[in-house]
């Protein structure tokens, strides 16, 4: 009884409870918790409301005691006047505070376990704190009004006993106190289960897409191999080799042409500077052709197939070298003039242009034959599709790996929540609960 032990004495022992084991499927949790709450509360509700009736009755009796106490006059004409005045003041204060306390102790009109339990706990604490707060008033009033204070004390003690009994009743079903938390945890667990199922579903969907891509890849690879092994593919391979051979010949001719120009390339560049600064006059066509020969001799020769314009330029340069307008050392001068004479005499048409022209014709014919084979387009299309499918497979594999990691994280979170919920459900039911979640 705590504080009342000093005034009125008395104390009782609390009962202990046994622990049972309970295996529960997750789908049964809601119905179990609700029915358990209803059943457990129903077992004590009659006792609780019976005690509440006692509380109401005691509060009425307390009011009657306070009314009787209020009627009692403390005469100040006899005895110790100062003490009697203190007693009278204490009595009035005591009555005022007790009535205020009574109003706070009135039971609520509720059928909610948590609210009723809270009322019981707060009433016990309030009764102790309030009685202690005006303990001096009780003591002083009791100096003269002993019988009245004894009656008051008996009623307070009875009231305290009822609250202690209520506390024991509520303690028998203390797990019901966390019923709102059970519902909250249940909702959280449900949400996490949904997250896991969704994650697994996404994982399966990605796996299905990978399987579909791999099937498509196998089919496309098979089709490509069949095409590559076909007669048309062999024809295409021969034509492609022929084309590459012609391109190689063409490049070799280009290289020979570049090598042929190498001894006079520097002279051509010096001559272009003279033409650009108008120290030697060339018409626009000649200027453009000179620039073209310096940048791409092969392309220039296609325009100037007999190299007549080129040889004209070589003669201009030879004249400038002979006049000394293009200054060279004697030994170098002889070499450059010899090279110019060789190029002026060279048969560009017969040894380059005609050969290149024949190669161009053969390349065009070979390209046309390649293009006439639809298989080349089909192979290119299949290769493009296979490349695309391979990229999709890689991308989906990375996505699947990420999703598996996410699923694992969700599973770990779910396990943690499940263990925590089992503990909470055990506290709620007073049983050792083992929870089973499918999947």
Protein backbone atom coordinates (compact mmCIF):
# COMPACT_ATOMS: atom_id res chain seq x y z
CA UNK A 1 0.00 0.00 0.00
CA UNK A 2 3.04 2.28 0.18
CA UNK A 3 2.20 5.56 1.83
CA UNK A 4 -0.94 4.25 3.59
CA UNK A 5 1.05 1.58 5.44
CA UNK A 6 2.23 4.28 7.84
CA UNK A 7 -1.34 5.41 8.46
CA UNK A 8 -3.48 2.28 8.17
CA UNK A 9 -1.19 -0.74 7.46
CA UNK A 10 -1.88 -3.95 5.45
CA UNK A 11 -0.38 -5.59 2.34
CA UNK A 12 -1.19 -8.58 0.03
CA UNK A 13 0.95 -10.86 -2.17
CA UNK A 14 0.59 -10.95 -5.99
CA UNK A 15 -0.11 -14.15 -7.95
CA UNK A 16 2.30 -15.67 -10.44
CA UNK A 17 1.39 -17.08 -13.89
CA UNK A 18 2.58 -20.03 -15.96
CA UNK A 19 3.84 -19.76 -19.57
CA UNK A 20 2.41 -21.88 -22.39
CA UNK A 21 3.73 -22.35 -25.93
CA UNK A 22 1.68 -21.34 -28.96
CA UNK A 23 2.45 -22.03 -32.63
CA UNK A 24 0.61 -19.61 -34.85
CA UNK A 25 0.33 -19.14 -38.60
CA UNK A 26 0.62 -15.50 -39.64
CA UNK A 27 -2.78 -15.60 -41.32
CA UNK A 28 -4.32 -16.38 -37.91
CA UNK A 29 -2.69 -13.50 -36.01
CA UNK A 30 -5.43 -10.92 -36.53
CA UNK A 31 -8.31 -13.18 -35.48
CA UNK A 32 -6.23 -14.60 -32.62
CA UNK A 33 -5.21 -11.23 -31.21
CA UNK A 34 -8.71 -9.76 -31.46
CA UNK A 35 -10.45 -12.81 -30.00
CA UNK A 36 -7.77 -13.13 -27.31
CA UNK A 37 -8.19 -9.48 -26.37
CA UNK A 38 -11.98 -9.81 -26.22
CA UNK A 39 -11.84 -13.09 -24.25
CA UNK A 40 -9.21 -11.88 -21.76
CA UNK A 41 -10.96 -8.58 -21.18
CA UNK A 42 -14.29 -10.34 -20.80
CA UNK A 43 -12.79 -12.52 -18.05
CA UNK A 44 -11.98 -9.51 -15.89
CA UNK A 45 -14.54 -6.96 -17.04
CA UNK A 46 -17.16 -8.04 -14.46
CA UNK A 47 -14.64 -7.76 -11.65
CA UNK A 48 -13.42 -4.41 -12.96
CA UNK A 49 -16.87 -2.87 -13.22
CA UNK A 50 -17.81 -4.39 -9.87
CA UNK A 51 -14.80 -2.64 -8.31
CA UNK A 52 -15.74 0.54 -10.13
CA UNK A 53 -19.15 0.37 -8.46
CA UNK A 54 -17.33 0.05 -5.14
CA UNK A 55 -15.22 3.08 -6.01
CA UNK A 56 -18.32 5.12 -6.83
CA UNK A 57 -19.97 3.95 -3.62
CA UNK A 58 -16.89 4.82 -1.54
CA UNK A 59 -16.63 8.22 -3.15
CA UNK A 60 -20.24 8.89 -2.12
CA UNK A 61 -19.50 7.70 1.42
CA UNK A 62 -16.41 9.87 1.49
CA UNK A 63 -18.57 12.82 0.54
CA UNK A 64 -20.92 11.98 3.40
CA UNK A 65 -17.97 11.80 5.81
CA UNK A 66 -16.76 15.15 4.51
CA UNK A 67 -20.25 16.61 5.00
CA UNK A 68 -20.30 15.37 8.60
CA UNK A 69 -16.79 16.70 9.12
CA UNK A 70 -17.84 20.05 7.70
CA UNK A 71 -20.69 20.27 10.24
CA UNK A 72 -18.33 19.72 13.14
CA UNK A 73 -17.46 23.06 14.73
CA UNK A 74 -14.08 23.60 16.32
CA UNK A 75 -14.75 25.90 19.26
CA UNK A 76 -12.08 28.50 19.81
CA UNK A 77 -13.47 29.70 23.15
CA UNK A 78 -11.87 26.89 25.10
CA UNK A 79 -8.49 25.17 25.26
CA UNK A 80 -5.52 26.25 23.22
CA UNK A 81 -7.01 28.91 20.97
CA UNK A 82 -4.14 29.12 18.52
CA UNK A 83 -4.06 25.34 18.07
CA UNK A 84 -7.85 25.21 17.63
CA UNK A 85 -7.63 27.90 14.98
CA UNK A 86 -4.99 25.85 13.14
CA UNK A 87 -7.22 22.74 13.41
CA UNK A 88 -10.22 24.64 12.04
CA UNK A 89 -8.20 25.97 9.07
CA UNK A 90 -6.72 22.52 8.42
CA UNK A 91 -10.20 20.98 8.47
CA UNK A 92 -11.51 23.40 5.86
CA UNK A 93 -8.46 22.91 3.65
CA UNK A 94 -8.70 19.14 4.03
CA UNK A 95 -12.38 19.11 3.03
CA UNK A 96 -11.73 21.30 -0.01
CA UNK A 97 -8.83 19.17 -1.20
CA UNK A 98 -10.60 15.88 -0.55
CA UNK A 99 -13.61 16.98 -2.58
CA UNK A 100 -11.32 18.04 -5.43
CA UNK A 101 -9.60 14.65 -5.19
CA UNK A 102 -12.95 12.82 -5.24
CA UNK A 103 -13.91 14.53 -8.49
CA UNK A 104 -10.69 13.27 -10.10
CA UNK A 105 -11.20 9.70 -8.89
CA UNK A 106 -14.58 9.19 -10.57
CA UNK A 107 -14.37 6.09 -12.88
CA UNK A 108 -14.64 6.76 -16.64
CA UNK A 109 -17.59 5.59 -18.73
CA UNK A 110 -15.50 3.36 -20.99
CA UNK A 111 -15.07 -0.28 -21.99
CA UNK A 112 -11.50 0.13 -23.22
CA UNK A 113 -8.91 -1.90 -21.30
CA UNK A 114 -6.09 0.58 -21.80
CA UNK A 115 -8.15 3.58 -20.74
CA UNK A 116 -9.47 1.75 -17.66
CA UNK A 117 -6.02 0.45 -16.72
CA UNK A 118 -4.60 3.95 -17.11
CA UNK A 119 -7.35 5.31 -14.85
CA UNK A 120 -6.50 2.72 -12.21
CA UNK A 121 -2.76 3.50 -12.26
CA UNK A 122 -3.23 7.26 -12.26
CA UNK A 123 -5.83 7.05 -9.47
CA UNK A 124 -3.45 5.13 -7.19
CA UNK A 125 -0.67 7.64 -7.83
CA UNK A 126 -3.04 10.56 -7.45
CA UNK A 127 -4.43 9.22 -4.19
CA UNK A 128 -0.92 8.81 -2.76
CA UNK A 129 0.39 12.17 -3.97
CA UNK A 130 -2.71 14.12 -2.91
CA UNK A 131 -2.99 12.51 0.54
CA UNK A 132 0.71 13.12 1.12
CA UNK A 133 0.35 16.72 0.00
CA UNK A 134 -2.16 17.49 2.72
CA UNK A 135 -0.80 15.11 5.37
CA UNK A 136 -0.36 18.03 7.83
CA UNK A 137 -4.01 18.96 7.43
CA UNK A 138 -4.96 15.37 8.31
CA UNK A 139 -2.66 15.40 11.33
CA UNK A 140 -3.83 18.76 12.69
CA UNK A 141 -7.52 18.01 12.13
CA UNK A 142 -7.13 14.66 13.91
CA UNK A 143 -5.87 16.38 17.08
CA UNK A 144 -9.40 17.42 17.96
CA UNK A 145 -11.66 15.54 15.55
CA UNK A 146 -10.22 12.08 16.13
CA UNK A 147 -13.37 10.05 15.48
CA UNK A 148 -14.23 11.90 12.30
CA UNK A 149 -10.70 11.54 10.96
CA UNK A 150 -10.77 7.83 11.79
CA UNK A 151 -13.91 7.49 9.65
CA UNK A 152 -12.25 9.44 6.86
CA UNK A 153 -9.11 7.32 7.11
CA UNK A 154 -11.14 4.10 6.96
CA UNK A 155 -12.85 5.23 3.78
CA UNK A 156 -9.58 6.33 2.16
CA UNK A 157 -8.03 3.01 3.15
CA UNK A 158 -10.98 1.12 1.66
CA UNK A 159 -10.73 3.18 -1.51
CA UNK A 160 -7.00 2.53 -1.77
CA UNK A 161 -7.60 -1.20 -1.25
CA UNK A 162 -10.11 -1.26 -4.10
CA UNK A 163 -7.61 0.45 -6.40
CA UNK A 164 -4.92 -2.04 -5.35
CA UNK A 165 -7.32 -4.88 -6.10
CA UNK A 166 -8.07 -3.30 -9.47
CA UNK A 167 -4.38 -3.05 -10.14
CA UNK A 168 -3.96 -6.77 -9.44
CA UNK A 169 -6.89 -7.56 -11.73
CA UNK A 170 -5.38 -5.51 -14.53
CA UNK A 171 -1.95 -7.06 -13.86
CA UNK A 172 -3.43 -10.51 -14.57
CA UNK A 173 -4.04 -9.32 -18.12
CA UNK A 174 -1.14 -6.87 -18.43
CA UNK A 175 -0.42 -8.05 -21.98
CA UNK A 176 -3.65 -6.43 -23.18
CA UNK A 177 -1.98 -3.09 -22.55
CA UNK A 178 0.04 -3.52 -25.74
CA UNK A 179 -2.90 -4.48 -27.99
CA UNK A 180 -2.66 -1.19 -30.00
CA UNK A 181 1.06 -1.83 -30.50
CA UNK A 182 0.25 -5.38 -31.64
CA UNK A 183 -2.03 -3.98 -34.32
CA UNK A 184 0.61 -1.43 -35.34
CA UNK A 185 3.37 -4.08 -35.52
CA UNK A 186 1.02 -6.39 -37.42
CA UNK A 187 0.41 -3.71 -40.02
CA UNK A 188 4.16 -3.09 -40.31
CA UNK A 189 4.83 -6.82 -40.71
CA UNK A 190 2.08 -7.14 -43.32
CA UNK A 191 3.64 -4.28 -45.25
CA UNK A 192 7.07 -5.94 -45.13
CA UNK A 193 5.60 -9.27 -46.28
CA UNK A 194 3.99 -7.45 -49.21
CA UNK A 195 7.38 -5.86 -49.98
CA UNK A 196 9.05 -9.27 -49.96
CA UNK A 197 6.39 -10.79 -52.21
CA UNK A 198 6.66 -7.84 -54.58
CA UNK A 199 10.46 -8.13 -54.61
CA UNK A 200 10.30 -11.87 -55.33
CA UNK A 201 7.71 -11.21 -58.05
CA UNK A 202 9.99 -8.63 -59.69
CA UNK A 203 12.89 -11.09 -59.42
CA UNK A 204 10.84 -13.78 -61.18
CA UNK A 205 9.73 -11.32 -63.84
CA UNK A 206 13.36 -10.33 -64.59
CA UNK A 207 14.38 -14.01 -64.68
CA UNK A 208 11.54 -14.68 -67.12
CA UNK A 209 12.71 -11.81 -69.32
CA UNK A 210 16.28 -13.16 -69.23
CA UNK A 211 15.01 -16.60 -70.21
CA UNK A 212 13.03 -15.06 -73.07
CA UNK A 213 16.07 -13.07 -74.26
CA UNK A 214 18.29 -16.17 -74.06
CA UNK A 215 15.76 -18.17 -76.08
CA UNK A 216 15.63 -15.43 -78.69
CA UNK A 217 19.42 -15.23 -78.70
CA UNK A 218 19.74 -18.98 -79.26
CA UNK A 219 17.22 -18.84 -82.12
CA UNK A 220 18.93 -15.85 -83.77
CA UNK A 221 22.38 -17.45 -83.38
CA UNK A 222 21.09 -20.63 -84.96
CA UNK A 223 19.55 -18.69 -87.84
CA UNK A 224 22.80 -16.76 -88.34
CA UNK A 225 24.85 -19.97 -88.43
CA UNK A 226 22.46 -21.47 -90.99
CA UNK A 227 22.83 -18.37 -93.15
CA UNK A 228 26.61 -18.35 -92.75
CA UNK A 229 26.74 -22.00 -93.82
CA UNK A 230 24.55 -21.45 -96.89
CA UNK A 231 25.72 -21.34 -100.54
CA UNK A 232 24.84 -17.66 -100.76
CA UNK A 233 26.98 -16.97 -97.68
CA UNK A 234 29.94 -18.72 -99.31
CA UNK A 235 29.39 -16.63 -102.43
CA UNK A 236 29.25 -13.54 -100.26
CA UNK A 237 32.48 -14.56 -98.54
CA UNK A 238 34.27 -14.99 -101.90
CA UNK A 239 32.96 -11.64 -103.15
CA UNK A 240 33.97 -9.93 -99.90
CA UNK A 241 37.50 -11.34 -100.25
CA UNK A 242 37.58 -10.18 -103.87
CA UNK A 243 36.44 -6.72 -102.80
CA UNK A 244 39.10 -6.54 -100.09
CA UNK A 245 41.76 -7.63 -102.61
CA UNK A 246 40.70 -4.89 -105.03
CA UNK A 247 40.72 -2.31 -102.24
CA UNK A 248 44.20 -3.42 -101.30
CA UNK A 249 45.37 -3.03 -104.92
CA UNK A 250 43.79 0.40 -105.03
CA UNK A 251 45.60 1.42 -101.87
CA UNK A 252 48.90 0.14 -103.23
CA UNK A 253 48.45 2.30 -106.37
CA UNK A 254 47.68 5.28 -104.15
CA UNK A 255 50.83 4.62 -102.16
CA UNK A 256 52.91 4.41 -105.38
CA UNK A 257 51.44 7.73 -106.53
CA UNK A 258 52.32 9.32 -103.19
CA UNK A 259 55.86 7.93 -103.42
CA UNK A 260 56.16 9.26 -106.98
CA UNK A 261 55.29 12.79 -105.79
CA UNK A 262 57.57 12.67 -102.75
CA UNK A 263 60.79 14.02 -104.42
CA UNK A 264 59.00 17.16 -105.65
CA UNK A 265 56.48 17.66 -102.83
CA UNK A 266 58.58 20.38 -101.23
CA UNK A 267 58.88 22.20 -104.60
CA UNK A 268 55.10 22.01 -105.05
CA UNK A 269 54.53 23.62 -101.63
CA UNK A 270 57.07 26.40 -102.35
CA UNK A 271 55.39 27.00 -105.69
CA UNK A 272 51.95 27.20 -104.03
CA UNK A 273 53.24 29.93 -101.68
CA UNK A 274 54.54 31.88 -104.69
CA UNK A 275 51.15 31.53 -106.36
CA UNK A 276 49.29 32.57 -103.22
CA UNK A 277 51.43 35.73 -102.87
CA UNK A 278 51.00 36.48 -106.61
CA UNK A 279 54.75 36.19 -107.23
CA UNK A 280 53.73 33.70 -109.87
CA UNK A 281 50.36 33.96 -111.57
CA UNK A 282 48.03 30.95 -111.73
CA UNK A 283 44.36 30.99 -112.65
CA UNK A 284 41.82 29.72 -110.10
CA UNK A 285 41.48 26.33 -111.74
CA UNK A 286 45.27 25.81 -111.65
CA UNK A 287 45.44 26.97 -108.00
CA UNK A 288 42.69 24.55 -106.94
CA UNK A 289 44.31 21.68 -108.83
CA UNK A 290 47.70 22.40 -107.21
CA UNK A 291 46.09 22.35 -103.76
CA UNK A 292 44.28 19.13 -104.64
CA UNK A 293 47.53 17.41 -105.74
CA UNK A 294 49.17 18.36 -102.45
CA UNK A 295 46.28 17.11 -100.30
CA UNK A 296 45.11 14.06 -102.31
CA UNK A 297 47.06 13.21 -105.51
CA UNK A 298 44.73 10.32 -106.27
CA UNK A 299 41.61 12.50 -106.27
CA UNK A 300 43.38 15.21 -108.31
CA UNK A 301 44.49 12.71 -110.95
CA UNK A 302 40.88 11.55 -111.41
CA UNK A 303 40.07 15.11 -112.50
CA UNK A 304 43.30 15.59 -114.47
CA UNK A 305 43.47 12.05 -115.90
CA UNK A 306 46.33 12.66 -118.37
CA UNK A 307 48.13 14.94 -115.88
CA UNK A 308 48.36 17.69 -118.50
CA UNK A 309 47.68 20.44 -115.95
CA UNK A 310 50.07 18.80 -113.51
CA UNK A 311 52.88 18.64 -116.07
CA UNK A 312 52.21 22.27 -116.93
CA UNK A 313 52.78 23.11 -113.25
CA UNK A 314 55.95 20.99 -113.24
CA UNK A 315 57.24 23.01 -116.23
CA UNK A 316 56.49 26.28 -114.37
CA UNK A 317 58.47 25.01 -111.38
CA UNK A 318 61.39 23.82 -113.62
CA UNK A 319 61.59 27.26 -115.24
CA UNK A 320 61.67 28.96 -111.80
CA UNK A 321 64.40 26.60 -110.60
CA UNK A 322 66.49 27.23 -113.71
CA UNK A 323 66.07 30.99 -113.29
CA UNK A 324 67.03 30.73 -109.65
CA UNK A 325 63.71 32.17 -108.49
CA UNK A 326 63.34 28.98 -106.47
CA UNK A 327 66.71 28.82 -104.78
CA UNK A 328 68.39 25.41 -104.37
CA UNK A 329 71.91 24.20 -103.74
CA UNK A 330 73.64 22.96 -106.88
CA UNK A 331 73.62 19.29 -105.98
CA UNK A 332 69.98 19.43 -104.80
CA UNK A 333 69.09 21.48 -107.88
CA UNK A 334 70.31 18.69 -110.18
CA UNK A 335 68.26 16.08 -108.29
CA UNK A 336 65.08 18.17 -108.34
CA UNK A 337 65.40 19.02 -112.04
CA UNK A 338 65.96 15.35 -112.82
CA UNK A 339 62.88 14.40 -110.79
CA UNK A 340 60.80 17.07 -112.56
CA UNK A 341 61.93 15.84 -115.99
CA UNK A 342 61.03 12.27 -115.04
CA UNK A 343 57.54 13.33 -113.93
CA UNK A 344 56.99 15.47 -117.03
CA UNK A 345 57.80 12.42 -119.20
CA UNK A 346 55.82 9.99 -116.98
CA UNK A 347 52.73 8.30 -118.47
CA UNK A 348 50.22 9.04 -115.71
CA UNK A 349 47.25 7.99 -117.80
CA UNK A 350 48.62 4.59 -118.76
CA UNK A 351 50.33 3.70 -115.50
CA UNK A 352 47.88 5.20 -113.01
CA UNK A 353 44.61 6.58 -114.29
CA UNK A 354 43.72 3.67 -116.58
CA UNK A 355 44.68 1.09 -113.94
CA UNK A 356 42.75 2.93 -111.24
CA UNK A 357 39.77 3.31 -113.52
CA UNK A 358 39.75 -0.44 -114.21
CA UNK A 359 39.95 -1.16 -110.47
CA UNK A 360 37.04 1.22 -109.80
CA UNK A 361 34.93 -0.61 -112.39
CA UNK A 362 35.73 -3.99 -110.82
CA UNK A 363 34.92 -2.61 -107.32
CA UNK A 364 31.57 -1.25 -108.50
CA UNK A 365 30.73 -4.56 -110.16
CA UNK A 366 31.76 -6.55 -107.07
CA UNK A 367 29.78 -4.23 -104.76
CA UNK A 368 26.74 -4.61 -106.99
CA UNK A 369 27.01 -8.40 -106.85
CA UNK A 370 27.35 -8.26 -103.05
CA UNK A 371 24.29 -6.01 -102.80
CA UNK A 372 22.33 -8.32 -105.06
CA UNK A 373 22.75 -11.05 -102.48
CA UNK A 374 20.01 -10.39 -99.92
CA UNK A 375 21.86 -12.63 -97.52
CA UNK A 376 24.33 -9.86 -96.74
CA UNK A 377 21.51 -7.68 -95.42
CA UNK A 378 19.99 -10.63 -93.58
CA UNK A 379 23.32 -11.46 -91.93
CA UNK A 380 23.88 -7.82 -90.98
CA UNK A 381 20.35 -7.61 -89.57
CA UNK A 382 20.75 -10.82 -87.54
CA UNK A 383 24.16 -9.73 -86.24
CA UNK A 384 22.61 -6.44 -85.14
CA UNK A 385 19.73 -8.26 -83.42
CA UNK A 386 22.14 -10.68 -81.70
CA UNK A 387 24.27 -7.79 -80.45
CA UNK A 388 21.16 -6.06 -79.13
CA UNK A 389 19.97 -9.23 -77.38
CA UNK A 390 23.42 -9.80 -75.85
CA UNK A 391 23.38 -6.25 -74.45
CA UNK A 392 19.85 -6.82 -73.10
CA UNK A 393 20.96 -10.07 -71.45
CA UNK A 394 23.90 -8.33 -69.75
CA UNK A 395 21.71 -5.44 -68.60
CA UNK A 396 19.01 -7.79 -67.27
CA UNK A 397 21.62 -9.92 -65.46
CA UNK A 398 22.89 -6.82 -63.64
CA UNK A 399 19.31 -5.82 -62.84
CA UNK A 400 18.59 -9.33 -61.51
CA UNK A 401 21.67 -9.23 -59.30
CA UNK A 402 20.56 -5.91 -57.81
CA UNK A 403 17.04 -7.25 -57.29
CA UNK A 404 18.36 -10.38 -55.55
CA UNK A 405 20.39 -8.18 -53.19
CA UNK A 406 17.26 -6.12 -52.51
CA UNK A 407 15.21 -9.28 -51.88
CA UNK A 408 17.85 -10.47 -49.42
CA UNK A 409 17.75 -7.14 -47.57
CA UNK A 410 13.94 -7.28 -47.38
CA UNK A 411 14.10 -10.91 -46.10
CA UNK A 412 16.53 -9.90 -43.36
CA UNK A 413 14.31 -6.97 -42.38
CA UNK A 414 11.29 -9.28 -42.37
CA UNK A 415 13.06 -11.81 -40.13
CA UNK A 416 14.02 -9.06 -37.70
CA UNK A 417 10.43 -7.77 -37.62
CA UNK A 418 9.07 -11.31 -37.21
CA UNK A 419 11.32 -12.02 -34.20
CA UNK A 420 10.39 -8.71 -32.61
CA UNK A 421 6.69 -9.33 -33.28
CA UNK A 422 6.90 -12.81 -31.73
CA UNK A 423 8.29 -11.27 -28.53
CA UNK A 424 5.59 -8.61 -28.50
CA UNK A 425 2.84 -11.16 -29.19
CA UNK A 426 4.24 -13.34 -26.38
CA UNK A 427 4.05 -10.39 -24.00
CA UNK A 428 0.52 -9.71 -25.17
CA UNK A 429 -0.80 -13.25 -24.83
CA UNK A 430 1.31 -14.42 -21.89
CA UNK A 431 2.38 -17.39 -24.03
CA UNK A 432 5.58 -18.29 -25.85
CA UNK A 433 4.49 -17.55 -29.44
CA UNK A 434 6.19 -19.07 -32.48
CA UNK A 435 5.06 -17.45 -35.71
CA UNK A 436 5.02 -19.11 -39.13
CA UNK A 437 5.11 -16.98 -42.31
CA UNK A 438 4.71 -18.73 -45.66
CA UNK A 439 7.22 -17.91 -48.38
